């Protein structure tokens, strides 16, 4: 589905930009630089996971396809809440929503768990 490919590209692009900002503009700032590095790395990893979602939604049918779309939603919202919270904290020196980052982390893990469920469904599906 084109939306997942677009979101993968958007997250990859912004993760690279955030990484560059961390390296160049936050150099030597200790914790803020480390937080930005964590946020950009997680954004990149899960942007790549969105590539897998794009592939799965074009390949799967039925429940597998719905689970792949749900995984994509988990990754997208998880990136926004986890990485977005860390970016906001560093840039604005305030916490926008308490608990957003951990909830985002749980969503990211949920996306990976849904990939596992899709794998199990495919393993149990009778051969054609």
C-alpha atoms as a PDB file:
ATOM      1  CA  UNK A   1       0.000   0.000   0.000  1.00  0.00           C
ATOM      2  CA  UNK A   2       1.489   3.356  -0.986  1.00  0.00           C
ATOM      3  CA  UNK A   3       0.829   5.025   2.407  1.00  0.00           C
ATOM      4  CA  UNK A   4       3.192   2.629   4.194  1.00  0.00           C
ATOM      5  CA  UNK A   5       5.922   3.170   1.620  1.00  0.00           C
ATOM      6  CA  UNK A   6       5.441   6.947   1.919  1.00  0.00           C
ATOM      7  CA  UNK A   7       5.610   6.776   5.730  1.00  0.00           C
ATOM      8  CA  UNK A   8       8.721   4.602   5.544  1.00  0.00           C
ATOM      9  CA  UNK A   9      10.391   7.208   3.331  1.00  0.00           C
ATOM     10  CA  UNK A  10       9.233  10.099   5.522  1.00  0.00           C
ATOM     11  CA  UNK A  11      10.542   8.460   8.684  1.00  0.00           C
ATOM     12  CA  UNK A  12      13.834   7.488   7.073  1.00  0.00           C
ATOM     13  CA  UNK A  13      14.354  11.026   5.813  1.00  0.00           C
ATOM     14  CA  UNK A  14      13.506  12.692   9.124  1.00  0.00           C
ATOM     15  CA  UNK A  15      15.561  10.171  11.094  1.00  0.00           C
ATOM     16  CA  UNK A  16      18.641  11.009   9.017  1.00  0.00           C
ATOM     17  CA  UNK A  17      17.977  14.735   9.508  1.00  0.00           C
ATOM     18  CA  UNK A  18      17.552  14.236  13.257  1.00  0.00           C
ATOM     19  CA  UNK A  19      20.749  12.215  13.425  1.00  0.00           C
ATOM     20  CA  UNK A  20      22.649  14.972  11.616  1.00  0.00           C
ATOM     21  CA  UNK A  21      21.165  17.589  13.962  1.00  0.00           C
ATOM     22  CA  UNK A  22      22.238  15.503  16.943  1.00  0.00           C
ATOM     23  CA  UNK A  23      25.766  15.113  15.648  1.00  0.00           C
ATOM     24  CA  UNK A  24      26.329  18.705  14.553  1.00  0.00           C
ATOM     25  CA  UNK A  25      24.136  20.932  16.703  1.00  0.00           C
ATOM     26  CA  UNK A  26      24.009  18.946  19.946  1.00  0.00           C
ATOM     27  CA  UNK A  27      27.663  17.842  19.984  1.00  0.00           C
ATOM     28  CA  UNK A  28      29.043  17.805  23.489  1.00  0.00           C
ATOM     29  CA  UNK A  29      25.654  18.318  25.165  1.00  0.00           C
ATOM     30  CA  UNK A  30      25.630  14.910  26.841  1.00  0.00           C
ATOM     31  CA  UNK A  31      22.123  13.754  27.691  1.00  0.00           C
ATOM     32  CA  UNK A  32      20.258  15.855  25.087  1.00  0.00           C
ATOM     33  CA  UNK A  33      22.514  14.504  22.344  1.00  0.00           C
ATOM     34  CA  UNK A  34      22.070  10.933  23.596  1.00  0.00           C
ATOM     35  CA  UNK A  35      18.274  11.327  23.721  1.00  0.00           C
ATOM     36  CA  UNK A  36      18.227  12.627  20.146  1.00  0.00           C
ATOM     37  CA  UNK A  37      20.422   9.710  19.035  1.00  0.00           C
ATOM     38  CA  UNK A  38      18.062   7.212  20.686  1.00  0.00           C
ATOM     39  CA  UNK A  39      15.037   8.880  19.103  1.00  0.00           C
ATOM     40  CA  UNK A  40      16.533   9.006  15.610  1.00  0.00           C
ATOM     41  CA  UNK A  41      17.821   5.415  15.763  1.00  0.00           C
ATOM     42  CA  UNK A  42      14.424   4.112  16.838  1.00  0.00           C
ATOM     43  CA  UNK A  43      12.714   6.199  14.184  1.00  0.00           C
ATOM     44  CA  UNK A  44      15.023   4.757  11.512  1.00  0.00           C
ATOM     45  CA  UNK A  45      14.602   1.144  12.644  1.00  0.00           C
ATOM     46  CA  UNK A  46      10.840   1.467  12.664  1.00  0.00           C
ATOM     47  CA  UNK A  47      10.833   3.384   9.391  1.00  0.00           C
ATOM     48  CA  UNK A  48      12.476   0.285   7.946  1.00  0.00           C
ATOM     49  CA  UNK A  49       9.804  -1.833   9.630  1.00  0.00           C
ATOM     50  CA  UNK A  50       7.256   0.227   7.683  1.00  0.00           C
ATOM     51  CA  UNK A  51       8.948  -1.019   4.493  1.00  0.00           C
ATOM     52  CA  UNK A  52       8.154  -4.540   5.680  1.00  0.00           C
ATOM     53  CA  UNK A  53       4.572  -3.429   6.326  1.00  0.00           C
ATOM     54  CA  UNK A  54       4.344  -2.085   2.765  1.00  0.00           C
ATOM     55  CA  UNK A  55       5.574  -5.438   1.470  1.00  0.00           C
ATOM     56  CA  UNK A  56       3.314  -7.496   3.752  1.00  0.00           C
ATOM     57  CA  UNK A  57       0.180  -5.550   2.861  1.00  0.00           C
ATOM     58  CA  UNK A  58       0.858  -6.215  -0.825  1.00  0.00           C
ATOM     59  CA  UNK A  59       1.431  -9.929  -0.182  1.00  0.00           C
ATOM     60  CA  UNK A  60      -0.966 -10.941   2.602  1.00  0.00           C
ATOM     61  CA  UNK A  61      -4.713 -11.485   2.332  1.00  0.00           C
ATOM     62  CA  UNK A  62      -7.489 -11.624   4.893  1.00  0.00           C
ATOM     63  CA  UNK A  63      -6.480 -11.532   8.519  1.00  0.00           C
ATOM     64  CA  UNK A  64      -2.765 -11.373   7.669  1.00  0.00           C
ATOM     65  CA  UNK A  65      -3.316  -8.196   5.680  1.00  0.00           C
ATOM     66  CA  UNK A  66      -5.384  -6.619   8.480  1.00  0.00           C
ATOM     67  CA  UNK A  67      -2.690  -7.509  11.003  1.00  0.00           C
ATOM     68  CA  UNK A  68      -0.020  -5.981   8.747  1.00  0.00           C
ATOM     69  CA  UNK A  69      -2.023  -2.740   8.526  1.00  0.00           C
ATOM     70  CA  UNK A  70      -2.430  -2.772  12.302  1.00  0.00           C
ATOM     71  CA  UNK A  71       1.326  -3.282  12.706  1.00  0.00           C
ATOM     72  CA  UNK A  72       1.889  -0.282  10.434  1.00  0.00           C
ATOM     73  CA  UNK A  73      -0.421   1.822  12.586  1.00  0.00           C
ATOM     74  CA  UNK A  74       1.416   0.649  15.723  1.00  0.00           C
ATOM     75  CA  UNK A  75       4.796   1.538  14.216  1.00  0.00           C
ATOM     76  CA  UNK A  76       3.601   4.934  12.984  1.00  0.00           C
ATOM     77  CA  UNK A  77       1.952   5.968  16.234  1.00  0.00           C
ATOM     78  CA  UNK A  78       4.797   4.433  18.227  1.00  0.00           C
ATOM     79  CA  UNK A  79       7.377   6.488  16.313  1.00  0.00           C
ATOM     80  CA  UNK A  80       5.353   9.636  16.868  1.00  0.00           C
ATOM     81  CA  UNK A  81       4.923   9.035  20.589  1.00  0.00           C
ATOM     82  CA  UNK A  82       8.351   7.572  21.408  1.00  0.00           C
ATOM     83  CA  UNK A  83      10.722   9.479  19.147  1.00  0.00           C
ATOM     84  CA  UNK A  84       8.495  12.544  19.014  1.00  0.00           C
ATOM     85  CA  UNK A  85       8.448  12.812  22.799  1.00  0.00           C
ATOM     86  CA  UNK A  86      12.225  12.612  23.005  1.00  0.00           C
ATOM     87  CA  UNK A  87      12.661  15.184  20.232  1.00  0.00           C
ATOM     88  CA  UNK A  88      10.159  17.503  21.923  1.00  0.00           C
ATOM     89  CA  UNK A  89      11.838  17.110  25.310  1.00  0.00           C
ATOM     90  CA  UNK A  90      15.244  18.063  23.925  1.00  0.00           C
ATOM     91  CA  UNK A  91      14.051  20.900  21.680  1.00  0.00           C
ATOM     92  CA  UNK A  92      11.446  22.458  23.987  1.00  0.00           C
ATOM     93  CA  UNK A  93      12.869  21.437  27.377  1.00  0.00           C
ATOM     94  CA  UNK A  94       9.432  20.291  28.480  1.00  0.00           C
ATOM     95  CA  UNK A  95       7.389  17.120  28.544  1.00  0.00           C
ATOM     96  CA  UNK A  96       4.320  17.476  26.351  1.00  0.00           C
ATOM     97  CA  UNK A  97       2.402  14.399  27.596  1.00  0.00           C
ATOM     98  CA  UNK A  98       3.553  12.341  30.566  1.00  0.00           C
ATOM     99  CA  UNK A  99       3.806   8.638  29.666  1.00  0.00           C
ATOM    100  CA  UNK A 100       3.711   9.182  25.898  1.00  0.00           C
ATOM    101  CA  UNK A 101       7.217   7.796  25.291  1.00  0.00           C
ATOM    102  CA  UNK A 102       6.691   4.518  27.190  1.00  0.00           C
ATOM    103  CA  UNK A 103       3.292   4.053  25.541  1.00  0.00           C
ATOM    104  CA  UNK A 104       4.960   4.672  22.169  1.00  0.00           C
ATOM    105  CA  UNK A 105       7.545   2.032  23.042  1.00  0.00           C
ATOM    106  CA  UNK A 106       4.789  -0.467  23.809  1.00  0.00           C
ATOM    107  CA  UNK A 107       3.184   0.303  20.448  1.00  0.00           C
ATOM    108  CA  UNK A 108       6.517  -0.318  18.691  1.00  0.00           C
ATOM    109  CA  UNK A 109       6.827  -3.669  20.465  1.00  0.00           C
ATOM    110  CA  UNK A 110       3.213  -4.425  19.553  1.00  0.00           C
ATOM    111  CA  UNK A 111       4.019  -3.916  15.875  1.00  0.00           C
ATOM    112  CA  UNK A 112       6.810  -6.489  16.113  1.00  0.00           C
ATOM    113  CA  UNK A 113       4.481  -8.845  17.971  1.00  0.00           C
ATOM    114  CA  UNK A 114       1.968  -8.560  15.144  1.00  0.00           C
ATOM    115  CA  UNK A 115       4.714  -9.556  12.700  1.00  0.00           C
ATOM    116  CA  UNK A 116       5.197 -12.682  14.830  1.00  0.00           C
ATOM    117  CA  UNK A 117       1.460 -13.446  14.670  1.00  0.00           C
ATOM    118  CA  UNK A 118       1.528 -13.089  10.870  1.00  0.00           C
ATOM    119  CA  UNK A 119       4.469 -15.509  10.750  1.00  0.00           C
ATOM    120  CA  UNK A 120       2.591 -18.040  12.905  1.00  0.00           C
ATOM    121  CA  UNK A 121      -0.540 -17.737  10.738  1.00  0.00           C
ATOM    122  CA  UNK A 122       1.556 -18.362   7.631  1.00  0.00           C
ATOM    123  CA  UNK A 123       3.311 -21.342   9.258  1.00  0.00           C
ATOM    124  CA  UNK A 124      -0.036 -22.908  10.169  1.00  0.00           C
ATOM    125  CA  UNK A 125      -1.656 -22.229   6.793  1.00  0.00           C
ATOM    126  CA  UNK A 126      -2.012 -25.401   4.723  1.00  0.00           C
ATOM    127  CA  UNK A 127       0.295 -25.655   1.718  1.00  0.00           C
ATOM    128  CA  UNK A 128      -1.287 -25.096  -1.669  1.00  0.00           C
END
